[in-house]
């Protein structure tokens, strides 16, 4: 939902509101690329109940540490 709002503010030239949302999303965006794509985004989308977290070899699941970081950041974003 925050991405939709970010795009809406950007298209309406409300740059300050768009920048505020972009700054809120910086951590989760950095997490999804921390160990390479697509493992991070698959982990996030799985936590959002969008898709399964299945990766084809040679790709690997994200580490436990990153998995936890993504989960905590998602919870933080949802609660705000």
PDB file of N, CA and C in Angstrom:
ATOM      1  N   UNK A   1       0.812  -1.207   0.000  1.00  0.00           N
ATOM      2  CA  UNK A   1       0.000   0.000   0.000  1.00  0.00           C
ATOM      3  C   UNK A   1       0.850   1.264   0.000  1.00  0.00           C
ATOM      4  N   UNK A   2       1.980   1.218   0.661  1.00  0.00           N
ATOM      5  CA  UNK A   2       2.828   2.408   0.699  1.00  0.00           C
ATOM      6  C   UNK A   2       3.394   2.731  -0.680  1.00  0.00           C
ATOM      7  N   UNK A   3       3.655   1.710  -1.482  1.00  0.00           N
ATOM      8  CA  UNK A   3       4.167   1.955  -2.831  1.00  0.00           C
ATOM      9  C   UNK A   3       3.114   2.689  -3.650  1.00  0.00           C
ATOM     10  N   UNK A   4       1.862   2.258  -3.539  1.00  0.00           N
ATOM     11  CA  UNK A   4       0.781   2.945  -4.266  1.00  0.00           C
ATOM     12  C   UNK A   4       0.699   4.413  -3.863  1.00  0.00           C
ATOM     13  N   UNK A   5       0.808   4.677  -2.574  1.00  0.00           N
ATOM     14  CA  UNK A   5       0.745   6.052  -2.085  1.00  0.00           C
ATOM     15  C   UNK A   5       1.959   6.841  -2.562  1.00  0.00           C
ATOM     16  N   UNK A   6       3.120   6.216  -2.558  1.00  0.00           N
ATOM     17  CA  UNK A   6       4.330   6.864  -3.048  1.00  0.00           C
ATOM     18  C   UNK A   6       4.164   7.282  -4.505  1.00  0.00           C
ATOM     19  N   UNK A   7       3.654   6.394  -5.325  1.00  0.00           N
ATOM     20  CA  UNK A   7       3.445   6.700  -6.746  1.00  0.00           C
ATOM     21  C   UNK A   7       2.411   7.813  -6.902  1.00  0.00           C
ATOM     22  N   UNK A   8       1.332   7.738  -6.133  1.00  0.00           N
ATOM     23  CA  UNK A   8       0.291   8.776  -6.206  1.00  0.00           C
ATOM     24  C   UNK A   8       0.868  10.148  -5.882  1.00  0.00           C
ATOM     25  N   UNK A   9       1.635  10.233  -4.795  1.00  0.00           N
ATOM     26  CA  UNK A   9       2.241  11.514  -4.424  1.00  0.00           C
ATOM     27  C   UNK A   9       3.248  11.972  -5.479  1.00  0.00           C
ATOM     28  N   UNK A  10       4.000  11.059  -6.027  1.00  0.00           N
ATOM     29  CA  UNK A  10       4.981  11.416  -7.057  1.00  0.00           C
ATOM     30  C   UNK A  10       4.298  11.972  -8.292  1.00  0.00           C
ATOM     31  N   UNK A  11       3.235  11.304  -8.725  1.00  0.00           N
ATOM     32  CA  UNK A  11       2.519  11.752  -9.924  1.00  0.00           C
ATOM     33  C   UNK A  11       1.812  13.083  -9.718  1.00  0.00           C
ATOM     34  N   UNK A  12       1.414  13.351  -8.472  1.00  0.00           N
ATOM     35  CA  UNK A  12       0.728  14.617  -8.197  1.00  0.00           C
ATOM     36  C   UNK A  12       1.711  15.717  -7.797  1.00  0.00           C
ATOM     37  N   UNK A  13       3.005  15.423  -7.931  1.00  0.00           N
ATOM     38  CA  UNK A  13       4.086  16.367  -7.628  1.00  0.00           C
ATOM     39  C   UNK A  13       4.157  16.762  -6.157  1.00  0.00           C
ATOM     40  N   UNK A  14       3.629  15.922  -5.286  1.00  0.00           N
ATOM     41  CA  UNK A  14       3.757  16.163  -3.852  1.00  0.00           C
ATOM     42  C   UNK A  14       5.042  15.474  -3.385  1.00  0.00           C
ATOM     43  N   UNK A  15       6.134  16.081  -3.743  1.00  0.00           N
ATOM     44  CA  UNK A  15       7.444  15.452  -3.551  1.00  0.00           C
ATOM     45  C   UNK A  15       7.822  15.237  -2.088  1.00  0.00           C
ATOM     46  N   UNK A  16       7.412  16.128  -1.218  1.00  0.00           N
ATOM     47  CA  UNK A  16       7.763  15.963   0.198  1.00  0.00           C
ATOM     48  C   UNK A  16       7.109  14.726   0.802  1.00  0.00           C
ATOM     49  N   UNK A  17       5.845  14.498   0.482  1.00  0.00           N
ATOM     50  CA  UNK A  17       5.157  13.307   0.988  1.00  0.00           C
ATOM     51  C   UNK A  17       5.731  12.043   0.350  1.00  0.00           C
ATOM     52  N   UNK A  18       6.048  12.124  -0.937  1.00  0.00           N
ATOM     53  CA  UNK A  18       6.644  10.974  -1.630  1.00  0.00           C
ATOM     54  C   UNK A  18       8.011  10.645  -1.030  1.00  0.00           C
ATOM     55  N   UNK A  19       8.810  11.639  -0.753  1.00  0.00           N
ATOM     56  CA  UNK A  19      10.129  11.440  -0.172  1.00  0.00           C
ATOM     57  C   UNK A  19      10.034  10.834   1.223  1.00  0.00           C
ATOM     58  N   UNK A  20       9.053  11.252   1.990  1.00  0.00           N
ATOM     59  CA  UNK A  20       8.858  10.698   3.328  1.00  0.00           C
ATOM     60  C   UNK A  20       8.592   9.188   3.243  1.00  0.00           C
ATOM     61  N   UNK A  21       7.734   8.784   2.338  1.00  0.00           N
ATOM     62  CA  UNK A  21       7.431   7.360   2.181  1.00  0.00           C
ATOM     63  C   UNK A  21       8.651   6.616   1.650  1.00  0.00           C
ATOM     64  N   UNK A  22       9.346   7.205   0.701  1.00  0.00           N
ATOM     65  CA  UNK A  22      10.547   6.572   0.158  1.00  0.00           C
ATOM     66  C   UNK A  22      11.559   6.319   1.276  1.00  0.00           C
ATOM     67  N   UNK A  23      11.722   7.285   2.165  1.00  0.00           N
ATOM     68  CA  UNK A  23      12.655   7.121   3.279  1.00  0.00           C
ATOM     69  C   UNK A  23      12.205   6.010   4.225  1.00  0.00           C
ATOM     70  N   UNK A  24      10.897   5.851   4.409  1.00  0.00           N
ATOM     71  CA  UNK A  24      10.373   4.772   5.255  1.00  0.00           C
ATOM     72  C   UNK A  24      10.684   3.402   4.652  1.00  0.00           C
ATOM     73  N   UNK A  25      10.767   3.319   3.334  1.00  0.00           N
ATOM     74  CA  UNK A  25      10.968   2.045   2.645  1.00  0.00           C
ATOM     75  C   UNK A  25      12.438   1.711   2.381  1.00  0.00           C
ATOM     76  N   UNK A  26      13.343   2.632   2.664  1.00  0.00           N
ATOM     77  CA  UNK A  26      14.759   2.420   2.345  1.00  0.00           C
ATOM     78  C   UNK A  26      15.324   1.147   2.971  1.00  0.00           C
ATOM     79  N   UNK A  27      15.026   0.894   4.229  1.00  0.00           N
ATOM     80  CA  UNK A  27      15.595  -0.287   4.899  1.00  0.00           C
ATOM     81  C   UNK A  27      15.109  -1.578   4.266  1.00  0.00           C
ATOM     82  N   UNK A  28      13.804  -1.685   4.009  1.00  0.00           N
ATOM     83  CA  UNK A  28      13.277  -2.936   3.446  1.00  0.00           C
ATOM     84  C   UNK A  28      13.823  -3.138   2.035  1.00  0.00           C
ATOM     85  N   UNK A  29      13.983  -2.054   1.296  1.00  0.00           N
ATOM     86  CA  UNK A  29      14.548  -2.164  -0.051  1.00  0.00           C
ATOM     87  C   UNK A  29      15.995  -2.643   0.023  1.00  0.00           C
ATOM     88  N   UNK A  30      16.759  -2.104   0.948  1.00  0.00           N
ATOM     89  CA  UNK A  30      18.152  -2.552   1.069  1.00  0.00           C
ATOM     90  C   UNK A  30      18.211  -4.011   1.508  1.00  0.00           C
ATOM     91  N   UNK A  31      17.294  -4.433   2.371  1.00  0.00           N
ATOM     92  CA  UNK A  31      17.271  -5.826   2.812  1.00  0.00           C
ATOM     93  C   UNK A  31      16.991  -6.783   1.652  1.00  0.00           C
ATOM     94  N   UNK A  32      16.074  -6.444   0.766  1.00  0.00           N
ATOM     95  CA  UNK A  32      15.718  -7.395  -0.293  1.00  0.00           C
ATOM     96  C   UNK A  32      16.859  -7.603  -1.290  1.00  0.00           C
ATOM     97  N   UNK A  33      17.810  -6.675  -1.335  1.00  0.00           N
ATOM     98  CA  UNK A  33      18.961  -6.829  -2.233  1.00  0.00           C
ATOM     99  C   UNK A  33      20.245  -7.225  -1.501  1.00  0.00           C
ATOM    100  N   UNK A  34      20.191  -7.341  -0.176  1.00  0.00           N
ATOM    101  CA  UNK A  34      21.401  -7.570   0.618  1.00  0.00           C
ATOM    102  C   UNK A  34      22.161  -8.829   0.223  1.00  0.00           C
ATOM    103  N   UNK A  35      21.457  -9.906  -0.039  1.00  0.00           N
ATOM    104  CA  UNK A  35      22.118 -11.168  -0.387  1.00  0.00           C
ATOM    105  C   UNK A  35      21.849 -11.575  -1.831  1.00  0.00           C
ATOM    106  N   UNK A  36      21.445 -10.634  -2.620  1.00  0.00           N
ATOM    107  CA  UNK A  36      21.203 -10.911  -4.033  1.00  0.00           C
ATOM    108  C   UNK A  36      19.730 -11.109  -4.331  1.00  0.00           C
ATOM    109  N   UNK A  37      19.429 -10.836  -5.555  1.00  0.00           N
ATOM    110  CA  UNK A  37      18.058 -10.960  -6.023  1.00  0.00           C
ATOM    111  C   UNK A  37      17.923 -12.294  -6.727  1.00  0.00           C
ATOM    112  N   UNK A  38      16.851 -12.993  -6.669  1.00  0.00           N
ATOM    113  CA  UNK A  38      15.537 -12.671  -6.128  1.00  0.00           C
ATOM    114  C   UNK A  38      15.265 -13.224  -4.729  1.00  0.00           C
ATOM    115  N   UNK A  39      16.271 -13.730  -4.034  1.00  0.00           N
ATOM    116  CA  UNK A  39      16.030 -14.373  -2.739  1.00  0.00           C
ATOM    117  C   UNK A  39      15.368 -13.433  -1.733  1.00  0.00           C
ATOM    118  N   UNK A  40      15.830 -12.199  -1.648  1.00  0.00           N
ATOM    119  CA  UNK A  40      15.272 -11.252  -0.683  1.00  0.00           C
ATOM    120  C   UNK A  40      13.830 -10.888  -0.976  1.00  0.00           C
ATOM    121  N   UNK A  41      13.537 -10.611  -2.233  1.00  0.00           N
ATOM    122  CA  UNK A  41      12.156 -10.236  -2.580  1.00  0.00           C
ATOM    123  C   UNK A  41      11.222 -11.426  -2.421  1.00  0.00           C
ATOM    124  N   UNK A  42      11.702 -12.615  -2.727  1.00  0.00           N
ATOM    125  CA  UNK A  42      10.866 -13.812  -2.530  1.00  0.00           C
ATOM    126  C   UNK A  42      10.560 -14.008  -1.048  1.00  0.00           C
ATOM    127  N   UNK A  43      11.549 -13.769  -0.199  1.00  0.00           N
ATOM    128  CA  UNK A  43      11.358 -13.876   1.246  1.00  0.00           C
ATOM    129  C   UNK A  43      10.304 -12.859   1.704  1.00  0.00           C
ATOM    130  N   UNK A  44      10.436 -11.620   1.264  1.00  0.00           N
ATOM    131  CA  UNK A  44       9.478 -10.582   1.644  1.00  0.00           C
ATOM    132  C   UNK A  44       8.075 -10.909   1.143  1.00  0.00           C
ATOM    133  N   UNK A  45       7.959 -11.280  -0.114  1.00  0.00           N
ATOM    134  CA  UNK A  45       6.638 -11.588  -0.672  1.00  0.00           C
ATOM    135  C   UNK A  45       6.003 -12.789   0.014  1.00  0.00           C
ATOM    136  N   UNK A  46       6.813 -13.740   0.444  1.00  0.00           N
ATOM    137  CA  UNK A  46       6.297 -14.875   1.185  1.00  0.00           C
ATOM    138  C   UNK A  46       5.737 -14.422   2.532  1.00  0.00           C
ATOM    139  N   UNK A  47       6.426 -13.534   3.202  1.00  0.00           N
ATOM    140  CA  UNK A  47       5.956 -13.020   4.483  1.00  0.00           C
ATOM    141  C   UNK A  47       4.682 -12.201   4.324  1.00  0.00           C
ATOM    142  N   UNK A  48       4.499 -11.635   3.130  1.00  0.00           N
ATOM    143  CA  UNK A  48       3.279 -10.872   2.840  1.00  0.00           C
ATOM    144  C   UNK A  48       2.158 -11.778   2.321  1.00  0.00           C
ATOM    145  N   UNK A  49       2.430 -13.078   2.241  1.00  0.00           N
ATOM    146  CA  UNK A  49       1.465 -14.084   1.766  1.00  0.00           C
ATOM    147  C   UNK A  49       1.105 -13.892   0.290  1.00  0.00           C
ATOM    148  N   UNK A  50       2.079 -13.402  -0.494  1.00  0.00           N
ATOM    149  CA  UNK A  50       1.872 -13.181  -1.925  1.00  0.00           C
ATOM    150  C   UNK A  50       2.293 -14.398  -2.737  1.00  0.00           C
ATOM    151  N   UNK A  51       3.384 -15.061  -2.324  1.00  0.00           N
ATOM    152  CA  UNK A  51       3.877 -16.214  -3.063  1.00  0.00           C
ATOM    153  C   UNK A  51       4.669 -17.129  -2.141  1.00  0.00           C
ATOM    154  N   UNK A  52       4.959 -18.309  -2.630  1.00  0.00           N
ATOM    155  CA  UNK A  52       5.819 -19.235  -1.893  1.00  0.00           C
ATOM    156  C   UNK A  52       7.259 -18.760  -1.977  1.00  0.00           C
ATOM    157  N   UNK A  53       8.059 -19.201  -1.031  1.00  0.00           N
ATOM    158  CA  UNK A  53       9.464 -18.808  -1.002  1.00  0.00           C
ATOM    159  C   UNK A  53      10.325 -19.908  -1.614  1.00  0.00           C
ATOM    160  N   UNK A  54       9.982 -20.332  -2.809  1.00  0.00           N
ATOM    161  CA  UNK A  54      10.724 -21.381  -3.508  1.00  0.00           C
ATOM    162  C   UNK A  54      11.682 -20.756  -4.508  1.00  0.00           C
ATOM    163  N   UNK A  55      12.926 -21.212  -4.466  1.00  0.00           N
ATOM    164  CA  UNK A  55      13.941 -20.749  -5.405  1.00  0.00           C
ATOM    165  C   UNK A  55      14.525 -21.947  -6.137  1.00  0.00           C
ATOM    166  N   UNK A  56      14.785 -21.770  -7.412  1.00  0.00           N
ATOM    167  CA  UNK A  56      15.404 -22.849  -8.191  1.00  0.00           C
ATOM    168  C   UNK A  56      16.918 -22.806  -8.025  1.00  0.00           C
ATOM    169  N   UNK A  57      17.546 -23.975  -7.974  1.00  0.00           N
ATOM    170  CA  UNK A  57      19.012 -24.011  -7.891  1.00  0.00           C
ATOM    171  C   UNK A  57      19.614 -23.268  -9.085  1.00  0.00           C
ATOM    172  N   UNK A  58      20.687 -22.603  -8.898  1.00  0.00           N
ATOM    173  CA  UNK A  58      21.616 -22.598  -7.777  1.00  0.00           C
ATOM    174  C   UNK A  58      21.306 -21.536  -6.723  1.00  0.00           C
ATOM    175  N   UNK A  59      20.152 -20.872  -6.791  1.00  0.00           N
ATOM    176  CA  UNK A  59      19.821 -19.832  -5.821  1.00  0.00           C
ATOM    177  C   UNK A  59      19.546 -20.443  -4.455  1.00  0.00           C
ATOM    178  N   UNK A  60      19.865 -19.674  -3.409  1.00  0.00           N
ATOM    179  CA  UNK A  60      19.678 -20.127  -2.036  1.00  0.00           C
ATOM    180  C   UNK A  60      18.736 -19.192  -1.298  1.00  0.00           C
ATOM    181  N   UNK A  61      18.099 -19.714  -0.269  1.00  0.00           N
ATOM    182  CA  UNK A  61      17.258 -18.888   0.599  1.00  0.00           C
ATOM    183  C   UNK A  61      18.139 -17.855   1.307  1.00  0.00           C
ATOM    184  N   UNK A  62      17.534 -16.773   1.772  1.00  0.00           N
ATOM    185  CA  UNK A  62      18.289 -15.780   2.532  1.00  0.00           C
ATOM    186  C   UNK A  62      18.721 -16.385   3.866  1.00  0.00           C
ATOM    187  N   UNK A  63      19.736 -15.796   4.466  1.00  0.00           N
ATOM    188  CA  UNK A  63      20.220 -16.265   5.760  1.00  0.00           C
ATOM    189  C   UNK A  63      19.159 -16.039   6.839  1.00  0.00           C
ATOM    190  N   UNK A  64      19.317 -16.738   7.952  1.00  0.00           N
ATOM    191  CA  UNK A  64      18.392 -16.566   9.086  1.00  0.00           C
ATOM    192  C   UNK A  64      18.395 -15.119   9.579  1.00  0.00           C
ATOM    193  N   UNK A  65      19.584 -14.519   9.609  1.00  0.00           N
ATOM    194  CA  UNK A  65      19.692 -13.128  10.060  1.00  0.00           C
ATOM    195  C   UNK A  65      18.899 -12.191   9.151  1.00  0.00           C
ATOM    196  N   UNK A  66      19.067 -12.345   7.850  1.00  0.00           N
ATOM    197  CA  UNK A  66      18.336 -11.488   6.915  1.00  0.00           C
ATOM    198  C   UNK A  66      16.848 -11.795   6.941  1.00  0.00           C
ATOM    199  N   UNK A  67      16.496 -13.048   7.063  1.00  0.00           N
ATOM    200  CA  UNK A  67      15.094 -13.438   7.173  1.00  0.00           C
ATOM    201  C   UNK A  67      14.439 -12.706   8.348  1.00  0.00           C
ATOM    202  N   UNK A  68      15.122 -12.702   9.479  1.00  0.00           N
ATOM    203  CA  UNK A  68      14.621 -12.025  10.681  1.00  0.00           C
ATOM    204  C   UNK A  68      14.535 -10.513  10.443  1.00  0.00           C
ATOM    205  N   UNK A  69      15.551  -9.925   9.828  1.00  0.00           N
ATOM    206  CA  UNK A  69      15.553  -8.483   9.559  1.00  0.00           C
ATOM    207  C   UNK A  69      14.392  -8.086   8.664  1.00  0.00           C
ATOM    208  N   UNK A  70      14.135  -8.876   7.626  1.00  0.00           N
ATOM    209  CA  UNK A  70      13.010  -8.594   6.722  1.00  0.00           C
ATOM    210  C   UNK A  70      11.700  -8.698   7.480  1.00  0.00           C
ATOM    211  N   UNK A  71      11.560  -9.733   8.281  1.00  0.00           N
ATOM    212  CA  UNK A  71      10.328  -9.923   9.047  1.00  0.00           C
ATOM    213  C   UNK A  71      10.076  -8.754  10.002  1.00  0.00           C
ATOM    214  N   UNK A  72      11.094  -8.339  10.732  1.00  0.00           N
ATOM    215  CA  UNK A  72      10.938  -7.243  11.696  1.00  0.00           C
ATOM    216  C   UNK A  72      10.648  -5.915  11.000  1.00  0.00           C
ATOM    217  N   UNK A  73      11.315  -5.655   9.880  1.00  0.00           N
ATOM    218  CA  UNK A  73      11.079  -4.411   9.158  1.00  0.00           C
ATOM    219  C   UNK A  73       9.670  -4.391   8.565  1.00  0.00           C
ATOM    220  N   UNK A  74       9.217  -5.519   8.051  1.00  0.00           N
ATOM    221  CA  UNK A  74       7.851  -5.596   7.522  1.00  0.00           C
ATOM    222  C   UNK A  74       6.845  -5.312   8.623  1.00  0.00           C
ATOM    223  N   UNK A  75       7.033  -5.925   9.779  1.00  0.00           N
ATOM    224  CA  UNK A  75       6.128  -5.674  10.912  1.00  0.00           C
ATOM    225  C   UNK A  75       6.132  -4.196  11.291  1.00  0.00           C
ATOM    226  N   UNK A  76       7.294  -3.593  11.260  1.00  0.00           N
ATOM    227  CA  UNK A  76       7.411  -2.165  11.584  1.00  0.00           C
ATOM    228  C   UNK A  76       6.647  -1.309  10.560  1.00  0.00           C
ATOM    229  N   UNK A  77       6.787  -1.649   9.292  1.00  0.00           N
ATOM    230  CA  UNK A  77       6.084  -0.890   8.251  1.00  0.00           C
ATOM    231  C   UNK A  77       4.574  -1.052   8.347  1.00  0.00           C
ATOM    232  N   UNK A  78       4.138  -2.244   8.663  1.00  0.00           N
ATOM    233  CA  UNK A  78       2.701  -2.508   8.768  1.00  0.00           C
ATOM    234  C   UNK A  78       2.089  -1.785   9.952  1.00  0.00           C
ATOM    235  N   UNK A  79       2.841  -1.713  11.045  1.00  0.00           N
ATOM    236  CA  UNK A  79       2.304  -1.074  12.255  1.00  0.00           C
ATOM    237  C   UNK A  79       2.247   0.440  12.157  1.00  0.00           C
ATOM    238  N   UNK A  80       2.970   1.017  11.208  1.00  0.00           N
ATOM    239  CA  UNK A  80       2.979   2.499  11.060  1.00  0.00           C
ATOM    240  C   UNK A  80       1.901   2.980  10.152  1.00  0.00           C
TER     241      UNK A  80
END
